[in-house]
């Protein structure tokens, strides 16, 4: 249920729903004068709000929010808290829409990942067989090697080699 970005209007929708559920729990306890065993409260909150919204949003949380909306809209004893149903319903609908949109993108995403993996395996197979095939085709190992870049970085010239190169250039310039 975690949705961010354009669906969240810059805020986390799930966070808004969670805050609203916690606030509803506080107001519900106030309605029953703190008696969490009161049937009005237990009908609305069959689990503690903090437990219901704990952790990652999932189907259980989605069902809990749907239960809260239903109870707020249908139970006469919940009339003072009915205003919470409007916000919860709107955010719940937006979260459901975001989930459906994500599910619609899941199959094409998985297909693209599979195609990418297949292409990488084919390229790996071509690269692995290229050298032996070039040796057979060209008939010369060193010629086949010239098609491949060395895997090691070129060795840096030492100071002695640099001095020797400079000296040989001077000789060539004189000669």
C-alpha atoms as a PDB file:
ATOM      1  CA  UNK A   1       0.000   0.000   0.000  1.00  0.00           C
ATOM      2  CA  UNK A   2       2.997   2.337   0.169  1.00  0.00           C
ATOM      3  CA  UNK A   3       2.493   5.008  -2.435  1.00  0.00           C
ATOM      4  CA  UNK A   4       4.430   8.189  -2.890  1.00  0.00           C
ATOM      5  CA  UNK A   5       4.735  10.823  -5.550  1.00  0.00           C
ATOM      6  CA  UNK A   6       1.857  12.067  -7.628  1.00  0.00           C
ATOM      7  CA  UNK A   7      -0.685   9.902  -5.801  1.00  0.00           C
ATOM      8  CA  UNK A   8       0.390  11.234  -2.433  1.00  0.00           C
ATOM      9  CA  UNK A   9       0.223  14.889  -3.341  1.00  0.00           C
ATOM     10  CA  UNK A  10       3.736  15.262  -1.945  1.00  0.00           C
ATOM     11  CA  UNK A  11       2.895  13.293   1.187  1.00  0.00           C
ATOM     12  CA  UNK A  12       2.717   9.633   1.905  1.00  0.00           C
ATOM     13  CA  UNK A  13      -0.921   8.523   1.538  1.00  0.00           C
ATOM     14  CA  UNK A  14      -0.393   5.561   3.794  1.00  0.00           C
ATOM     15  CA  UNK A  15       1.041   7.886   6.429  1.00  0.00           C
ATOM     16  CA  UNK A  16      -2.066  10.072   6.178  1.00  0.00           C
ATOM     17  CA  UNK A  17      -4.333   7.059   6.591  1.00  0.00           C
ATOM     18  CA  UNK A  18      -2.255   5.784   9.510  1.00  0.00           C
ATOM     19  CA  UNK A  19      -2.403   9.172  11.249  1.00  0.00           C
ATOM     20  CA  UNK A  20      -6.154   9.325  10.680  1.00  0.00           C
ATOM     21  CA  UNK A  21      -6.599   5.807  12.131  1.00  0.00           C
ATOM     22  CA  UNK A  22      -4.562   6.729  15.232  1.00  0.00           C
ATOM     23  CA  UNK A  23      -6.569   9.944  15.643  1.00  0.00           C
ATOM     24  CA  UNK A  24      -9.817   7.979  15.216  1.00  0.00           C
ATOM     25  CA  UNK A  25      -8.643   5.572  17.913  1.00  0.00           C
ATOM     26  CA  UNK A  26      -7.999   8.455  20.315  1.00  0.00           C
ATOM     27  CA  UNK A  27     -11.404  10.019  19.567  1.00  0.00           C
ATOM     28  CA  UNK A  28     -13.085   6.616  19.852  1.00  0.00           C
ATOM     29  CA  UNK A  29     -11.570   6.080  23.302  1.00  0.00           C
ATOM     30  CA  UNK A  30     -12.743   9.540  24.324  1.00  0.00           C
ATOM     31  CA  UNK A  31     -16.266   8.652  23.102  1.00  0.00           C
ATOM     32  CA  UNK A  32     -16.349   5.663  25.479  1.00  0.00           C
ATOM     33  CA  UNK A  33     -14.608   7.535  28.328  1.00  0.00           C
ATOM     34  CA  UNK A  34     -11.437   5.445  27.972  1.00  0.00           C
ATOM     35  CA  UNK A  35     -13.231   2.109  28.355  1.00  0.00           C
ATOM     36  CA  UNK A  36     -11.619   0.097  25.545  1.00  0.00           C
ATOM     37  CA  UNK A  37     -13.808  -2.887  26.507  1.00  0.00           C
ATOM     38  CA  UNK A  38     -16.957  -0.936  25.615  1.00  0.00           C
ATOM     39  CA  UNK A  39     -18.749  -2.782  22.769  1.00  0.00           C
ATOM     40  CA  UNK A  40     -18.950   0.438  20.727  1.00  0.00           C
ATOM     41  CA  UNK A  41     -15.180   0.715  20.797  1.00  0.00           C
ATOM     42  CA  UNK A  42     -14.419  -2.984  20.280  1.00  0.00           C
ATOM     43  CA  UNK A  43     -16.823  -3.095  17.321  1.00  0.00           C
ATOM     44  CA  UNK A  44     -14.954  -0.214  15.713  1.00  0.00           C
ATOM     45  CA  UNK A  45     -11.436  -1.124  16.795  1.00  0.00           C
ATOM     46  CA  UNK A  46     -11.126  -4.901  16.984  1.00  0.00           C
ATOM     47  CA  UNK A  47      -7.353  -4.347  17.265  1.00  0.00           C
ATOM     48  CA  UNK A  48      -5.506  -1.407  18.742  1.00  0.00           C
ATOM     49  CA  UNK A  49      -5.011   1.321  16.107  1.00  0.00           C
ATOM     50  CA  UNK A  50      -1.252   1.445  16.725  1.00  0.00           C
ATOM     51  CA  UNK A  51      -1.021  -2.311  16.064  1.00  0.00           C
ATOM     52  CA  UNK A  52      -3.189  -2.090  12.950  1.00  0.00           C
ATOM     53  CA  UNK A  53      -0.955   0.521  11.314  1.00  0.00           C
ATOM     54  CA  UNK A  54       2.369  -0.853  12.529  1.00  0.00           C
ATOM     55  CA  UNK A  55       4.928  -1.924   9.945  1.00  0.00           C
ATOM     56  CA  UNK A  56       4.528  -2.012   6.195  1.00  0.00           C
ATOM     57  CA  UNK A  57       1.089  -1.442   4.759  1.00  0.00           C
ATOM     58  CA  UNK A  58      -0.474  -4.659   3.537  1.00  0.00           C
ATOM     59  CA  UNK A  59      -3.797  -6.348   2.787  1.00  0.00           C
ATOM     60  CA  UNK A  60      -4.603  -6.697   6.496  1.00  0.00           C
ATOM     61  CA  UNK A  61      -4.281  -2.930   6.970  1.00  0.00           C
ATOM     62  CA  UNK A  62      -6.323  -2.359   3.835  1.00  0.00           C
ATOM     63  CA  UNK A  63      -9.118  -4.578   5.196  1.00  0.00           C
ATOM     64  CA  UNK A  64      -8.905  -2.860   8.600  1.00  0.00           C
ATOM     65  CA  UNK A  65      -9.393   0.583   7.028  1.00  0.00           C
ATOM     66  CA  UNK A  66     -12.309  -0.745   4.955  1.00  0.00           C
ATOM     67  CA  UNK A  67     -13.816  -2.131   8.200  1.00  0.00           C
ATOM     68  CA  UNK A  68     -13.425   1.246   9.918  1.00  0.00           C
ATOM     69  CA  UNK A  69     -15.139   3.047   7.032  1.00  0.00           C
ATOM     70  CA  UNK A  70     -18.000   0.550   7.078  1.00  0.00           C
ATOM     71  CA  UNK A  71     -18.461   0.812  10.856  1.00  0.00           C
ATOM     72  CA  UNK A  72     -18.333   4.605  10.824  1.00  0.00           C
ATOM     73  CA  UNK A  73     -20.953   4.795   8.078  1.00  0.00           C
ATOM     74  CA  UNK A  74     -23.353   2.147   9.393  1.00  0.00           C
ATOM     75  CA  UNK A  75     -23.192   2.135  13.191  1.00  0.00           C
ATOM     76  CA  UNK A  76     -25.465   4.658  14.913  1.00  0.00           C
ATOM     77  CA  UNK A  77     -23.189   4.657  17.979  1.00  0.00           C
ATOM     78  CA  UNK A  78     -20.361   5.976  15.801  1.00  0.00           C
ATOM     79  CA  UNK A  79     -22.302   9.063  14.633  1.00  0.00           C
ATOM     80  CA  UNK A  80     -19.960  11.518  16.456  1.00  0.00           C
ATOM     81  CA  UNK A  81     -16.988  10.006  14.590  1.00  0.00           C
ATOM     82  CA  UNK A  82     -18.657   9.731  11.182  1.00  0.00           C
ATOM     83  CA  UNK A  83     -16.588  12.615   9.780  1.00  0.00           C
ATOM     84  CA  UNK A  84     -13.513  10.376   9.787  1.00  0.00           C
ATOM     85  CA  UNK A  85     -15.138   8.151   7.139  1.00  0.00           C
ATOM     86  CA  UNK A  86     -14.893  10.853   4.460  1.00  0.00           C
ATOM     87  CA  UNK A  87     -11.119  11.284   4.652  1.00  0.00           C
ATOM     88  CA  UNK A  88     -10.469   7.581   5.130  1.00  0.00           C
ATOM     89  CA  UNK A  89     -12.661   6.695   2.142  1.00  0.00           C
ATOM     90  CA  UNK A  90     -10.912   9.222  -0.114  1.00  0.00           C
ATOM     91  CA  UNK A  91      -7.391   8.168   0.883  1.00  0.00           C
ATOM     92  CA  UNK A  92      -8.346   4.488   0.806  1.00  0.00           C
ATOM     93  CA  UNK A  93      -9.683   4.902  -2.754  1.00  0.00           C
ATOM     94  CA  UNK A  94      -6.500   6.706  -3.836  1.00  0.00           C
ATOM     95  CA  UNK A  95      -4.340   3.956  -2.334  1.00  0.00           C
ATOM     96  CA  UNK A  96      -6.428   1.281  -4.082  1.00  0.00           C
ATOM     97  CA  UNK A  97      -6.058   3.146  -7.389  1.00  0.00           C
ATOM     98  CA  UNK A  98      -2.288   3.351  -6.896  1.00  0.00           C
ATOM     99  CA  UNK A  99      -2.131  -0.386  -6.119  1.00  0.00           C
ATOM    100  CA  UNK A 100      -4.123  -1.211  -9.262  1.00  0.00           C
ATOM    101  CA  UNK A 101      -1.864   1.049 -11.342  1.00  0.00           C
ATOM    102  CA  UNK A 102       1.221  -0.665  -9.900  1.00  0.00           C
ATOM    103  CA  UNK A 103      -0.243  -4.113 -10.579  1.00  0.00           C
ATOM    104  CA  UNK A 104      -0.969  -3.109 -14.183  1.00  0.00           C
ATOM    105  CA  UNK A 105       2.693  -2.169 -14.634  1.00  0.00           C
ATOM    106  CA  UNK A 106       4.027  -5.311 -12.959  1.00  0.00           C
ATOM    107  CA  UNK A 107       3.637  -7.734 -15.901  1.00  0.00           C
ATOM    108  CA  UNK A 108       5.282  -5.456 -18.504  1.00  0.00           C
ATOM    109  CA  UNK A 109       8.069  -4.737 -16.010  1.00  0.00           C
ATOM    110  CA  UNK A 110       8.693  -8.451 -15.430  1.00  0.00           C
ATOM    111  CA  UNK A 111       8.606  -9.068 -19.194  1.00  0.00           C
ATOM    112  CA  UNK A 112      11.166  -6.315 -19.807  1.00  0.00           C
ATOM    113  CA  UNK A 113      13.435  -7.740 -17.095  1.00  0.00           C
ATOM    114  CA  UNK A 114      13.191 -11.198 -18.704  1.00  0.00           C
ATOM    115  CA  UNK A 115      14.004  -9.797 -22.152  1.00  0.00           C
ATOM    116  CA  UNK A 116      16.973  -7.898 -20.739  1.00  0.00           C
ATOM    117  CA  UNK A 117      18.273 -11.038 -19.011  1.00  0.00           C
ATOM    118  CA  UNK A 118      17.890 -13.055 -22.239  1.00  0.00           C
ATOM    119  CA  UNK A 119      19.764 -10.387 -24.228  1.00  0.00           C
ATOM    120  CA  UNK A 120      22.595 -10.355 -21.676  1.00  0.00           C
ATOM    121  CA  UNK A 121      22.901 -14.150 -21.788  1.00  0.00           C
ATOM    122  CA  UNK A 122      23.001 -14.103 -25.606  1.00  0.00           C
ATOM    123  CA  UNK A 123      25.670 -11.398 -25.615  1.00  0.00           C
ATOM    124  CA  UNK A 124      27.704 -13.345 -23.069  1.00  0.00           C
ATOM    125  CA  UNK A 125      27.471 -16.498 -25.217  1.00  0.00           C
ATOM    126  CA  UNK A 126      28.566 -14.579 -28.360  1.00  0.00           C
ATOM    127  CA  UNK A 127      31.516 -13.008 -26.536  1.00  0.00           C
ATOM    128  CA  UNK A 128      32.571 -16.348 -25.021  1.00  0.00           C
ATOM    129  CA  UNK A 129      32.570 -18.148 -28.379  1.00  0.00           C
ATOM    130  CA  UNK A 130      33.966 -15.260 -30.449  1.00  0.00           C
ATOM    131  CA  UNK A 131      37.688 -15.850 -29.794  1.00  0.00           C
ATOM    132  CA  UNK A 132      37.728 -19.580 -30.628  1.00  0.00           C
ATOM    133  CA  UNK A 133      35.661 -18.948 -33.759  1.00  0.00           C
ATOM    134  CA  UNK A 134      38.007 -16.168 -34.909  1.00  0.00           C
ATOM    135  CA  UNK A 135      41.012 -18.450 -34.412  1.00  0.00           C
ATOM    136  CA  UNK A 136      39.333 -21.093 -36.582  1.00  0.00           C
ATOM    137  CA  UNK A 137      38.202 -18.558 -39.204  1.00  0.00           C
ATOM    138  CA  UNK A 138      41.460 -16.588 -39.411  1.00  0.00           C
ATOM    139  CA  UNK A 139      43.794 -19.493 -38.715  1.00  0.00           C
ATOM    140  CA  UNK A 140      46.065 -17.271 -36.630  1.00  0.00           C
ATOM    141  CA  UNK A 141      45.921 -16.926 -32.818  1.00  0.00           C
ATOM    142  CA  UNK A 142      47.707 -13.542 -32.728  1.00  0.00           C
ATOM    143  CA  UNK A 143      45.419 -12.111 -35.392  1.00  0.00           C
ATOM    144  CA  UNK A 144      42.373 -13.286 -33.411  1.00  0.00           C
ATOM    145  CA  UNK A 145      43.870 -11.688 -30.276  1.00  0.00           C
ATOM    146  CA  UNK A 146      44.063  -8.315 -32.060  1.00  0.00           C
ATOM    147  CA  UNK A 147      40.256  -8.124 -32.028  1.00  0.00           C
ATOM    148  CA  UNK A 148      40.157  -8.017 -28.213  1.00  0.00           C
ATOM    149  CA  UNK A 149      41.195  -5.275 -25.861  1.00  0.00           C
ATOM    150  CA  UNK A 150      43.531  -6.352 -23.101  1.00  0.00           C
ATOM    151  CA  UNK A 151      41.738  -6.891 -19.799  1.00  0.00           C
ATOM    152  CA  UNK A 152      44.675  -5.442 -17.868  1.00  0.00           C
ATOM    153  CA  UNK A 153      45.556  -1.762 -17.857  1.00  0.00           C
ATOM    154  CA  UNK A 154      48.745  -0.969 -19.747  1.00  0.00           C
ATOM    155  CA  UNK A 155      51.805  -0.964 -17.534  1.00  0.00           C
ATOM    156  CA  UNK A 156      53.225   2.485 -16.800  1.00  0.00           C
ATOM    157  CA  UNK A 157      56.724   3.103 -17.993  1.00  0.00           C
ATOM    158  CA  UNK A 158      59.322   3.248 -15.250  1.00  0.00           C
ATOM    159  CA  UNK A 159      61.633   6.240 -14.912  1.00  0.00           C
ATOM    160  CA  UNK A 160      64.533   4.301 -16.479  1.00  0.00           C
ATOM    161  CA  UNK A 161      62.431   3.366 -19.497  1.00  0.00           C
ATOM    162  CA  UNK A 162      61.375   6.995 -19.898  1.00  0.00           C
ATOM    163  CA  UNK A 163      65.018   8.149 -19.776  1.00  0.00           C
ATOM    164  CA  UNK A 164      65.987   5.465 -22.337  1.00  0.00           C
ATOM    165  CA  UNK A 165      63.158   6.558 -24.634  1.00  0.00           C
ATOM    166  CA  UNK A 166      64.233  10.194 -24.396  1.00  0.00           C
ATOM    167  CA  UNK A 167      67.849   9.221 -25.213  1.00  0.00           C
ATOM    168  CA  UNK A 168      66.781   7.192 -28.237  1.00  0.00           C
ATOM    169  CA  UNK A 169      64.715  10.139 -29.497  1.00  0.00           C
ATOM    170  CA  UNK A 170      67.811  12.371 -29.172  1.00  0.00           C
ATOM    171  CA  UNK A 171      69.850   9.884 -31.193  1.00  0.00           C
ATOM    172  CA  UNK A 172      67.176   9.762 -33.877  1.00  0.00           C
ATOM    173  CA  UNK A 173      67.050  13.570 -34.001  1.00  0.00           C
ATOM    174  CA  UNK A 174      70.832  13.793 -34.460  1.00  0.00           C
ATOM    175  CA  UNK A 175      71.023  10.940 -36.991  1.00  0.00           C
END
